[in-house]
């Protein structure tokens, strides 16, 4: 390829991305916790701390801080890895959202949020919402895929009250 062909190829390039929001019905896992919302947020709102309530995770490494930071989650079994980007975070309102950039779990696109809403001074509700699409080669039915997501989220969220002696 000569310099003129290279220039012609470069001028036909335009901004693109492989990241797009998933389409589908949200999976919602909410749990009441008998602890102050601010204390629960310190756990479920810690982008790098999900190992506290997801025992299947071996480690999490976070690169960067705040919006745009990336976390690498490694699972204990099967060489499973998930790479996610923090999209938004508000510690005062107690919410954050993130998007999966890469995984080998059979999930094509995934967007998620975590929120904590106070019920009173000593209790709150923590909610994990997930919208995801299976990979094209994922052999699960739509119902099985949704059940997989729901089971994973429920299993994780059910561990949160245990961290507060409940």
Protein backbone atom coordinates (compact mmCIF):
# COMPACT_ATOMS: atom_id res chain seq x y z
CA UNK A 1 0.00 0.00 0.00
CA UNK A 2 1.42 3.37 -0.91
CA UNK A 3 1.06 6.65 0.98
CA UNK A 4 -1.88 7.83 -1.15
CA UNK A 5 -3.84 4.62 -0.49
CA UNK A 6 -3.08 4.89 3.23
CA UNK A 7 -4.36 8.47 3.35
CA UNK A 8 -7.52 7.47 1.48
CA UNK A 9 -8.17 4.64 3.97
CA UNK A 10 -7.60 6.92 6.96
CA UNK A 11 -9.97 9.59 5.70
CA UNK A 12 -12.78 7.03 5.49
CA UNK A 13 -12.46 6.20 9.20
CA UNK A 14 -15.01 7.64 11.59
CA UNK A 15 -15.70 7.36 15.33
CA UNK A 16 -17.15 4.01 16.28
CA UNK A 17 -17.53 1.84 19.35
CA UNK A 18 -18.51 -1.69 20.28
CA UNK A 19 -20.20 -0.46 23.44
CA UNK A 20 -23.94 -0.08 23.25
CA UNK A 21 -26.68 -0.31 25.83
CA UNK A 22 -28.50 -3.63 26.13
CA UNK A 23 -32.16 -4.02 25.38
CA UNK A 24 -34.41 -6.11 27.55
CA UNK A 25 -36.41 -6.45 30.70
CA UNK A 26 -34.53 -5.42 33.84
CA UNK A 27 -33.64 -8.01 36.46
CA UNK A 28 -34.11 -6.40 39.87
CA UNK A 29 -32.82 -7.72 43.16
CA UNK A 30 -33.76 -5.66 46.22
CA UNK A 31 -33.01 -6.47 49.84
CA UNK A 32 -34.06 -4.77 53.07
CA UNK A 33 -31.14 -4.25 55.42
CA UNK A 34 -31.43 -3.34 59.10
CA UNK A 35 -28.56 -0.88 59.03
CA UNK A 36 -28.18 2.81 58.21
CA UNK A 37 -28.20 3.50 54.46
CA UNK A 38 -24.81 5.20 54.60
CA UNK A 39 -23.24 2.07 56.13
CA UNK A 40 -24.83 -0.22 53.55
CA UNK A 41 -23.70 2.12 50.75
CA UNK A 42 -20.10 1.72 51.97
CA UNK A 43 -20.46 -1.97 51.06
CA UNK A 44 -22.65 -2.18 47.94
CA UNK A 45 -21.50 1.20 46.63
CA UNK A 46 -17.82 0.23 46.72
CA UNK A 47 -17.05 -0.37 43.04
CA UNK A 48 -13.98 -2.37 43.99
CA UNK A 49 -15.49 -4.14 46.99
CA UNK A 50 -18.02 -6.58 45.57
CA UNK A 51 -15.94 -9.48 46.94
CA UNK A 52 -17.49 -8.57 50.32
CA UNK A 53 -20.88 -9.93 49.25
CA UNK A 54 -20.16 -12.07 46.18
CA UNK A 55 -18.22 -15.09 47.49
CA UNK A 56 -17.69 -16.47 43.96
CA UNK A 57 -15.28 -13.60 43.24
CA UNK A 58 -11.59 -14.26 43.81
CA UNK A 59 -10.44 -10.68 43.30
CA UNK A 60 -11.25 -7.24 41.95
CA UNK A 61 -8.70 -4.78 40.63
CA UNK A 62 -9.83 -1.22 39.96
CA UNK A 63 -7.87 1.04 37.63
CA UNK A 64 -8.56 4.74 37.97
CA UNK A 65 -10.94 6.58 40.24
CA UNK A 66 -14.46 7.82 39.80
CA UNK A 67 -16.41 7.95 36.59
CA UNK A 68 -14.64 6.04 33.82
CA UNK A 69 -12.64 3.81 36.17
CA UNK A 70 -12.42 0.17 35.17
CA UNK A 71 -12.65 -2.93 37.35
CA UNK A 72 -11.36 -6.42 36.56
CA UNK A 73 -13.35 -9.09 38.40
CA UNK A 74 -11.89 -12.58 38.53
CA UNK A 75 -14.00 -15.50 39.69
CA UNK A 76 -12.68 -18.36 41.83
CA UNK A 77 -13.70 -21.04 39.35
CA UNK A 78 -13.52 -21.59 35.64
CA UNK A 79 -11.20 -18.74 34.66
CA UNK A 80 -14.19 -16.42 34.45
CA UNK A 81 -13.41 -12.72 34.07
CA UNK A 82 -15.55 -9.58 33.82
CA UNK A 83 -14.25 -6.12 32.90
CA UNK A 84 -16.55 -3.20 33.70
CA UNK A 85 -16.51 0.58 33.49
CA UNK A 86 -18.07 2.88 36.08
CA UNK A 87 -20.48 5.17 34.22
CA UNK A 88 -21.89 7.30 37.02
CA UNK A 89 -21.70 7.55 40.78
CA UNK A 90 -23.27 9.81 43.40
CA UNK A 91 -22.36 9.09 47.01
CA UNK A 92 -24.91 11.60 48.35
CA UNK A 93 -27.80 10.06 46.38
CA UNK A 94 -26.26 6.57 46.88
CA UNK A 95 -26.34 5.25 43.33
CA UNK A 96 -23.89 4.09 40.69
CA UNK A 97 -24.12 2.59 37.22
CA UNK A 98 -21.68 0.52 35.21
CA UNK A 99 -21.32 -1.24 31.88
CA UNK A 100 -19.60 -4.49 31.03
CA UNK A 101 -16.80 -4.06 28.51
CA UNK A 102 -15.70 -7.71 28.35
CA UNK A 103 -16.65 -11.01 29.94
CA UNK A 104 -16.50 -14.72 29.24
CA UNK A 105 -19.80 -15.48 30.97
CA UNK A 106 -21.90 -15.61 27.81
CA UNK A 107 -23.21 -12.06 28.23
CA UNK A 108 -23.11 -9.78 25.19
CA UNK A 109 -24.04 -6.42 26.72
CA UNK A 110 -24.76 -5.55 30.33
CA UNK A 111 -25.71 -2.36 32.12
CA UNK A 112 -26.27 -2.32 35.86
CA UNK A 113 -27.06 0.01 38.72
CA UNK A 114 -26.80 -0.19 42.48
CA UNK A 115 -28.88 2.03 44.73
CA UNK A 116 -29.49 2.36 48.44
CA UNK A 117 -32.65 4.09 49.68
CA UNK A 118 -33.13 4.82 53.38
CA UNK A 119 -36.33 3.54 55.03
CA UNK A 120 -35.56 5.21 58.35
CA UNK A 121 -32.42 6.02 60.34
CA UNK A 122 -31.62 2.37 60.97
CA UNK A 123 -32.75 0.57 57.81
CA UNK A 124 -32.69 0.80 54.04
CA UNK A 125 -33.28 -1.05 50.81
CA UNK A 126 -30.34 -1.90 48.54
CA UNK A 127 -31.27 -2.62 44.92
CA UNK A 128 -29.19 -4.10 42.11
CA UNK A 129 -30.75 -3.68 38.66
CA UNK A 130 -29.32 -5.46 35.60
CA UNK A 131 -30.24 -5.20 31.94
CA UNK A 132 -28.33 -7.68 29.80
CA UNK A 133 -28.34 -9.61 26.56
CA UNK A 134 -26.90 -13.09 26.02
CA UNK A 135 -24.13 -13.70 23.50
CA UNK A 136 -25.37 -14.99 20.16
CA UNK A 137 -23.72 -18.35 20.83
CA UNK A 138 -25.14 -18.61 24.37
CA UNK A 139 -27.18 -21.82 24.43
CA UNK A 140 -29.47 -20.66 27.26
CA UNK A 141 -33.08 -19.89 26.50
CA UNK A 142 -34.26 -16.35 27.24
CA UNK A 143 -35.96 -17.58 30.40
CA UNK A 144 -32.86 -19.49 31.54
CA UNK A 145 -30.65 -16.44 30.88
CA UNK A 146 -32.95 -14.23 32.94
CA UNK A 147 -33.05 -16.87 35.70
CA UNK A 148 -29.21 -17.01 35.67
CA UNK A 149 -28.98 -13.23 36.11
CA UNK A 150 -31.71 -13.17 38.76
CA UNK A 151 -30.13 -16.02 40.71
CA UNK A 152 -26.69 -14.41 40.65
CA UNK A 153 -28.02 -11.01 41.75
CA UNK A 154 -30.30 -12.47 44.43
CA UNK A 155 -27.50 -14.65 45.78
CA UNK A 156 -25.21 -11.65 46.08
CA UNK A 157 -27.78 -9.32 47.60
CA UNK A 158 -28.91 -11.94 50.12
CA UNK A 159 -25.36 -11.83 51.52
CA UNK A 160 -25.53 -8.09 52.26
CA UNK A 161 -27.64 -8.32 55.47
CA UNK A 162 -25.28 -11.01 56.74
CA UNK A 163 -22.48 -8.44 56.75
CA UNK A 164 -24.56 -6.48 59.25
CA UNK A 165 -25.29 -9.43 61.56
CA UNK A 166 -28.73 -10.26 60.15
